[in-house]
């Protein structure tokens, strides 16, 4: 096992991965790969990942082989995070129904645990009543039937993953990797998450707002990508760049640029820039001793007061508290 130093913890964070037959093997493997490799500075596991099936018996995968779990639904009672892997279960995908024992176990776990779904696992959470009134994501291929089965859920097919009211849902395929890295980042900071990503040879961060790769017909007036504008914004977070400037850089009209930007990222340019500024501010808090006012200036957030307000609103914490929480992680990683 490769070491990714995390903050010292008394006991490992308990992760239960629920697998419903036939489970998507790729989804099932990702939490163990991405989370179970994180170690504390003392060499102990930061996460303990266990696969769960309704009755504790082997579960078949869509790929034709079976997986032996570590336990049954009772493990959900002790989980700090519950992850529902993608499934091709006809009852769930076609009828929006899940066994009452599973629904009750998920609802009970929701009272104490962070709830996560990967790909079509969102159908399971929705069938258990845990997504009603929430914004959620799932694989774009199943969007139409998801909306038909669960009209009370605000499904968004643009993001790679969505967080709403303590429930996290991801799109299909590799978006599960992005969401698991997000969990590591939230729990242990960017430095640890980046090392996990580097070892697994994946991008350290594709924002949750980055659009899914959806098989839509491409309109004739596609213009060019807004990626260059995003690079420009990232390299000059401390500058004020107008929509007109960004559109001109991308050789588009403001209207076309704004539309294309949202198509490619799931966010408006202002929303994306605010998120990028806050992420870089968090990185500087983790990795430097710069004063809060200097960090605010370098990231384009203006003043320490504004940075404090942004962190309070987005993360329910302050810059000083965030730095105290993650400073040991960054120091140990350097």
Protein backbone atom coordinates (compact mmCIF):
# COMPACT_ATOMS: atom_id res chain seq x y z
CA UNK A 1 0.00 0.00 0.00
CA UNK A 2 1.24 3.45 -0.86
CA UNK A 3 1.24 6.03 1.96
CA UNK A 4 -0.87 9.20 1.69
CA UNK A 5 -0.50 10.96 5.02
CA UNK A 6 -3.80 12.02 6.54
CA UNK A 7 -4.62 13.53 9.88
CA UNK A 8 -4.34 11.16 12.82
CA UNK A 9 -7.64 9.52 13.72
CA UNK A 10 -8.60 7.35 16.69
CA UNK A 11 -10.49 4.86 14.54
CA UNK A 12 -10.79 4.56 10.75
CA UNK A 13 -13.67 6.31 9.03
CA UNK A 14 -16.14 3.50 8.35
CA UNK A 15 -17.31 3.26 4.73
CA UNK A 16 -20.03 0.80 3.71
CA UNK A 17 -20.45 0.23 -0.03
CA UNK A 18 -23.87 -1.21 -0.83
CA UNK A 19 -23.95 -3.56 -3.83
CA UNK A 20 -27.28 -4.55 -5.36
CA UNK A 21 -27.36 -7.28 -8.00
CA UNK A 22 -26.24 -7.02 -10.67
CA UNK A 23 -23.77 -4.42 -9.44
CA UNK A 24 -21.50 -2.36 -11.70
CA UNK A 25 -18.06 -3.79 -10.93
CA UNK A 26 -16.22 -0.60 -11.87
CA UNK A 27 -18.25 1.45 -9.38
CA UNK A 28 -17.79 -1.17 -6.69
CA UNK A 29 -14.00 -1.13 -7.02
CA UNK A 30 -13.48 2.63 -6.90
CA UNK A 31 -14.14 3.39 -3.19
CA UNK A 32 -11.76 0.65 -2.09
CA UNK A 33 -9.09 1.82 -4.53
CA UNK A 34 -9.36 5.53 -3.81
CA UNK A 35 -10.24 5.57 -0.09
CA UNK A 36 -8.63 2.49 1.40
CA UNK A 37 -5.13 3.64 0.36
CA UNK A 38 -5.22 6.71 2.61
CA UNK A 39 -3.12 6.28 5.76
CA UNK A 40 -2.58 8.44 8.81
CA UNK A 41 0.85 9.68 9.84
CA UNK A 42 1.12 6.72 12.22
CA UNK A 43 0.55 4.25 9.38
CA UNK A 44 -3.00 3.26 10.30
CA UNK A 45 -5.85 3.28 7.79
CA UNK A 46 -7.82 6.53 7.53
CA UNK A 47 -10.76 4.65 5.98
CA UNK A 48 -12.07 1.13 6.39
CA UNK A 49 -14.06 0.20 3.27
CA UNK A 50 -16.45 -2.74 3.37
CA UNK A 51 -18.73 -4.14 0.70
CA UNK A 52 -22.30 -4.81 1.85
CA UNK A 53 -25.10 -6.82 0.27
CA UNK A 54 -28.68 -7.08 1.59
CA UNK A 55 -28.19 -10.57 3.08
CA UNK A 56 -24.40 -10.82 3.12
CA UNK A 57 -24.25 -13.28 0.25
CA UNK A 58 -22.18 -13.08 -2.94
CA UNK A 59 -23.42 -10.52 -5.44
CA UNK A 60 -23.14 -10.96 -9.22
CA UNK A 61 -21.70 -8.13 -11.29
CA UNK A 62 -22.79 -6.94 -14.72
CA UNK A 63 -19.42 -8.19 -15.93
CA UNK A 64 -20.20 -11.82 -15.23
CA UNK A 65 -18.30 -12.60 -12.03
CA UNK A 66 -19.34 -12.57 -8.40
CA UNK A 67 -18.09 -10.52 -5.43
CA UNK A 68 -18.02 -11.72 -1.84
CA UNK A 69 -19.02 -8.95 0.61
CA UNK A 70 -17.85 -8.35 4.17
CA UNK A 71 -21.34 -8.24 5.62
CA UNK A 72 -25.03 -7.48 5.32
CA UNK A 73 -27.21 -4.41 5.92
CA UNK A 74 -26.35 -4.33 9.62
CA UNK A 75 -22.97 -2.80 8.69
CA UNK A 76 -24.82 0.34 7.58
CA UNK A 77 -25.67 1.02 11.23
CA UNK A 78 -22.01 1.65 12.04
CA UNK A 79 -20.99 3.46 8.85
CA UNK A 80 -19.77 7.06 8.76
CA UNK A 81 -20.23 7.10 4.98
CA UNK A 82 -22.59 4.92 2.96
CA UNK A 83 -21.88 4.57 -0.77
CA UNK A 84 -24.40 2.96 -3.12
CA UNK A 85 -22.67 1.53 -6.17
CA UNK A 86 -24.25 1.58 -9.60
CA UNK A 87 -26.66 -1.26 -10.36
CA UNK A 88 -28.59 -2.69 -13.28
CA UNK A 89 -31.33 -4.09 -11.03
CA UNK A 90 -34.57 -4.05 -13.14
CA UNK A 91 -36.81 -3.33 -10.13
CA UNK A 92 -34.79 -0.20 -9.37
CA UNK A 93 -34.15 1.09 -12.89
CA UNK A 94 -37.50 0.23 -14.47
CA UNK A 95 -39.94 0.50 -11.57
CA UNK A 96 -38.14 2.82 -9.16
CA UNK A 97 -38.65 0.26 -6.40
CA UNK A 98 -36.28 -1.06 -3.76
CA UNK A 99 -36.82 -3.74 -1.12
CA UNK A 100 -38.32 -2.26 2.06
CA UNK A 101 -35.47 -3.66 4.18
CA UNK A 102 -32.93 -1.82 2.05
CA UNK A 103 -34.94 1.41 2.10
CA UNK A 104 -35.33 1.29 5.88
CA UNK A 105 -31.62 0.57 6.38
CA UNK A 106 -30.65 3.51 4.16
CA UNK A 107 -33.07 5.89 5.88
CA UNK A 108 -31.74 4.85 9.28
CA UNK A 109 -28.14 5.29 8.13
CA UNK A 110 -28.97 8.76 6.79
CA UNK A 111 -29.46 9.99 10.36
CA UNK A 112 -25.75 9.61 11.14
CA UNK A 113 -23.86 8.91 7.94
CA UNK A 114 -22.80 10.80 4.84
CA UNK A 115 -24.78 9.35 1.93
CA UNK A 116 -23.20 8.87 -1.49
CA UNK A 117 -24.29 7.26 -4.75
CA UNK A 118 -22.27 6.37 -7.83
CA UNK A 119 -23.91 6.35 -11.26
CA UNK A 120 -27.29 4.56 -11.09
CA UNK A 121 -26.93 4.19 -7.34
CA UNK A 122 -28.91 7.44 -7.32
CA UNK A 123 -31.98 5.38 -8.29
CA UNK A 124 -31.59 3.43 -5.04
CA UNK A 125 -31.32 6.55 -2.89
CA UNK A 126 -34.30 8.08 -4.67
CA UNK A 127 -36.36 4.91 -4.27
CA UNK A 128 -35.59 5.02 -0.53
CA UNK A 129 -36.92 8.58 -0.40
CA UNK A 130 -33.57 10.21 0.33
CA UNK A 131 -33.43 12.52 -2.69
CA UNK A 132 -36.88 14.07 -2.67
CA UNK A 133 -36.58 17.83 -3.14
CA UNK A 134 -32.81 17.51 -3.62
CA UNK A 135 -30.58 18.25 -6.58
CA UNK A 136 -28.89 15.09 -7.80
CA UNK A 137 -26.83 13.56 -10.60
CA UNK A 138 -26.77 10.21 -12.35
CA UNK A 139 -25.52 8.83 -15.65
CA UNK A 140 -26.92 10.90 -18.53
CA UNK A 141 -28.06 7.74 -20.30
CA UNK A 142 -30.63 7.06 -17.57
CA UNK A 143 -31.77 10.65 -17.09
CA UNK A 144 -35.09 10.34 -18.87
CA UNK A 145 -36.25 7.30 -16.92
CA UNK A 146 -34.94 8.79 -13.66
CA UNK A 147 -37.07 11.89 -14.18
CA UNK A 148 -40.06 9.75 -15.04
CA UNK A 149 -39.71 7.63 -11.91
CA UNK A 150 -38.68 10.40 -9.50
CA UNK A 151 -40.22 13.73 -10.58
CA UNK A 152 -39.69 15.21 -7.10
CA UNK A 153 -35.90 15.02 -7.53
CA UNK A 154 -34.12 17.92 -9.24
CA UNK A 155 -31.95 15.91 -11.63
CA UNK A 156 -29.02 17.77 -13.21
CA UNK A 157 -27.30 15.98 -16.09
CA UNK A 158 -24.47 18.52 -16.40
CA UNK A 159 -22.27 17.98 -13.32
CA UNK A 160 -19.90 15.13 -12.66
CA UNK A 161 -21.15 15.09 -9.09
CA UNK A 162 -23.58 17.03 -6.92
CA UNK A 163 -23.70 17.78 -3.20
CA UNK A 164 -27.03 18.73 -1.65
CA UNK A 165 -28.07 18.53 2.01
CA UNK A 166 -25.35 16.11 2.92
CA UNK A 167 -26.11 13.70 0.07
CA UNK A 168 -23.58 13.32 -2.75
CA UNK A 169 -24.45 11.82 -6.12
CA UNK A 170 -22.23 11.25 -9.13
CA UNK A 171 -22.63 10.75 -12.85
CA UNK A 172 -21.54 7.57 -14.58
CA UNK A 173 -18.17 5.94 -15.16
CA UNK A 174 -15.08 7.87 -14.12
CA UNK A 175 -17.16 10.54 -12.35
CA UNK A 176 -17.17 8.11 -9.41
CA UNK A 177 -13.41 8.63 -9.17
CA UNK A 178 -13.91 12.39 -9.06
CA UNK A 179 -16.46 12.08 -6.28
CA UNK A 180 -14.27 9.77 -4.19
CA UNK A 181 -11.35 12.18 -4.54
CA UNK A 182 -13.74 14.94 -3.45
CA UNK A 183 -14.51 12.94 -0.29
CA UNK A 184 -10.78 12.62 0.48
CA UNK A 185 -10.28 16.32 -0.22
CA UNK A 186 -13.11 17.31 2.12
CA UNK A 187 -11.91 14.97 4.87
CA UNK A 188 -8.14 15.42 4.65
CA UNK A 189 -7.35 18.35 2.35
CA UNK A 190 -6.05 18.89 -1.15
CA UNK A 191 -2.54 17.62 -0.53
CA UNK A 192 -3.68 14.12 0.41
CA UNK A 193 -6.26 13.98 -2.39
CA UNK A 194 -3.66 15.08 -4.94
CA UNK A 195 -1.28 12.32 -3.86
CA UNK A 196 -4.03 9.71 -4.15
CA UNK A 197 -4.85 11.03 -7.63
CA UNK A 198 -1.19 11.02 -8.67
CA UNK A 199 -0.67 7.42 -7.56
CA UNK A 200 -3.79 6.32 -9.46
CA UNK A 201 -2.74 8.37 -12.51
CA UNK A 202 -5.96 10.39 -12.66
CA UNK A 203 -6.68 14.10 -12.72
CA UNK A 204 -6.46 15.49 -9.17
CA UNK A 205 -9.57 17.61 -9.64
CA UNK A 206 -12.27 17.75 -12.23
CA UNK A 207 -14.76 20.06 -10.55
CA UNK A 208 -18.21 18.74 -9.69
CA UNK A 209 -19.56 21.42 -12.00
CA UNK A 210 -17.71 20.09 -15.03
CA UNK A 211 -20.21 18.82 -17.55
CA UNK A 212 -20.68 15.14 -18.30
CA UNK A 213 -19.59 13.93 -21.69
CA UNK A 214 -23.10 13.56 -23.10
CA UNK A 215 -23.81 12.16 -26.54
CA UNK A 216 -25.77 15.19 -27.75
CA UNK A 217 -25.83 16.25 -31.42
CA UNK A 218 -23.28 19.02 -31.93
CA UNK A 219 -24.83 22.20 -33.34
CA UNK A 220 -23.25 23.71 -36.42
CA UNK A 221 -22.35 27.00 -34.72
CA UNK A 222 -20.17 25.33 -32.08
CA UNK A 223 -17.41 27.96 -32.17
CA UNK A 224 -14.44 26.98 -30.02
CA UNK A 225 -14.05 25.62 -26.51
CA UNK A 226 -14.02 27.88 -23.45
CA UNK A 227 -11.09 25.92 -21.98
CA UNK A 228 -8.67 28.71 -22.88
CA UNK A 229 -10.76 31.23 -21.00
CA UNK A 230 -10.78 28.98 -17.95
CA UNK A 231 -7.01 28.73 -18.13
CA UNK A 232 -6.79 32.50 -18.37
CA UNK A 233 -9.00 32.93 -15.32
CA UNK A 234 -7.03 30.34 -13.35
CA UNK A 235 -3.71 32.00 -14.14
CA UNK A 236 -5.04 35.45 -13.20
CA UNK A 237 -7.38 34.86 -10.26
CA UNK A 238 -6.40 38.23 -8.81
CA UNK A 239 -7.53 40.12 -11.93
CA UNK A 240 -10.98 41.28 -12.93
CA UNK A 241 -11.75 39.84 -16.33
CA UNK A 242 -15.03 40.91 -17.89
CA UNK A 243 -17.30 38.62 -19.86
CA UNK A 244 -16.39 40.68 -22.89
CA UNK A 245 -12.68 40.01 -22.31
CA UNK A 246 -13.25 36.27 -21.84
CA UNK A 247 -15.51 36.00 -24.87
CA UNK A 248 -12.98 37.86 -27.00
CA UNK A 249 -10.21 35.53 -25.78
CA UNK A 250 -12.36 32.58 -26.93
CA UNK A 251 -13.27 34.35 -30.20
CA UNK A 252 -16.99 34.25 -29.42
CA UNK A 253 -19.76 36.68 -28.79
CA UNK A 254 -20.64 37.22 -25.12
CA UNK A 255 -23.92 35.37 -25.61
CA UNK A 256 -22.31 32.36 -27.30
CA UNK A 257 -19.47 32.29 -24.76
CA UNK A 258 -21.87 32.33 -21.80
CA UNK A 259 -23.98 29.55 -23.29
CA UNK A 260 -20.99 27.41 -24.25
CA UNK A 261 -19.32 27.93 -20.87
CA UNK A 262 -22.37 26.57 -19.05
CA UNK A 263 -22.60 23.64 -21.48
CA UNK A 264 -18.98 22.71 -20.80
CA UNK A 265 -18.85 23.30 -17.04
CA UNK A 266 -22.41 23.27 -15.73
CA UNK A 267 -21.76 26.71 -14.20
CA UNK A 268 -21.85 30.33 -15.24
CA UNK A 269 -18.44 32.03 -15.67
CA UNK A 270 -18.97 33.96 -12.42
CA UNK A 271 -19.87 30.80 -10.50
CA UNK A 272 -16.90 28.91 -11.90
CA UNK A 273 -14.51 31.75 -11.06
CA UNK A 274 -15.82 32.06 -7.51
CA UNK A 275 -15.32 28.32 -7.01
CA UNK A 276 -11.79 28.43 -8.48
CA UNK A 277 -10.84 31.34 -6.22
CA UNK A 278 -12.10 29.59 -3.11
CA UNK A 279 -10.32 26.34 -4.02
CA UNK A 280 -7.02 28.16 -4.49
CA UNK A 281 -7.54 30.02 -1.22
CA UNK A 282 -8.01 26.68 0.52
CA UNK A 283 -4.81 25.37 -1.06
CA UNK A 284 -2.86 28.41 0.15
CA UNK A 285 -4.30 28.01 3.66
CA UNK A 286 -3.17 24.40 3.66
CA UNK A 287 0.28 24.85 2.16
CA UNK A 288 1.55 28.31 3.22
CA UNK A 289 1.79 30.62 6.21
CA UNK A 290 0.49 33.61 4.25
CA UNK A 291 -1.79 35.95 6.22
CA UNK A 292 -5.50 35.67 5.41
CA UNK A 293 -5.59 39.14 3.84
CA UNK A 294 -2.71 38.25 1.50
CA UNK A 295 -4.44 35.04 0.44
CA UNK A 296 -7.63 36.96 -0.25
CA UNK A 297 -5.71 39.43 -2.42
CA UNK A 298 -3.83 36.73 -4.34
CA UNK A 299 -7.02 34.83 -5.14
CA UNK A 300 -9.09 37.83 -6.17
CA UNK A 301 -11.38 37.66 -3.15
CA UNK A 302 -10.39 41.16 -2.16
CA UNK A 303 -10.26 41.19 1.63
CA UNK A 304 -9.89 38.79 4.51
CA UNK A 305 -13.43 39.67 5.52
CA UNK A 306 -14.76 38.53 2.14
CA UNK A 307 -12.74 35.30 2.32
CA UNK A 308 -14.13 34.60 5.78
CA UNK A 309 -17.67 35.16 4.53
CA UNK A 310 -17.14 32.87 1.53
CA UNK A 311 -15.68 30.09 3.67
CA UNK A 312 -18.43 30.44 6.24
CA UNK A 313 -21.10 30.26 3.54
CA UNK A 314 -19.55 27.40 1.55
CA UNK A 315 -17.76 25.32 4.18
CA UNK A 316 -19.26 26.49 7.48
CA UNK A 317 -15.81 27.28 8.82
CA UNK A 318 -13.28 30.13 9.02
CA UNK A 319 -9.85 30.44 7.37
CA UNK A 320 -8.06 30.07 10.70
CA UNK A 321 -10.10 27.00 11.69
CA UNK A 322 -9.59 25.46 8.25
CA UNK A 323 -5.83 26.05 8.46
CA UNK A 324 -5.65 24.45 11.92
CA UNK A 325 -7.62 21.42 10.72
CA UNK A 326 -5.47 20.71 7.65
CA UNK A 327 -2.09 22.18 8.52
CA UNK A 328 -0.74 18.92 9.93
CA UNK A 329 -1.75 17.11 6.73
CA UNK A 330 0.14 19.53 4.50
CA UNK A 331 3.22 19.59 6.74
CA UNK A 332 3.47 15.81 6.80
CA UNK A 333 3.12 15.62 3.02
CA UNK A 334 5.97 17.95 2.17
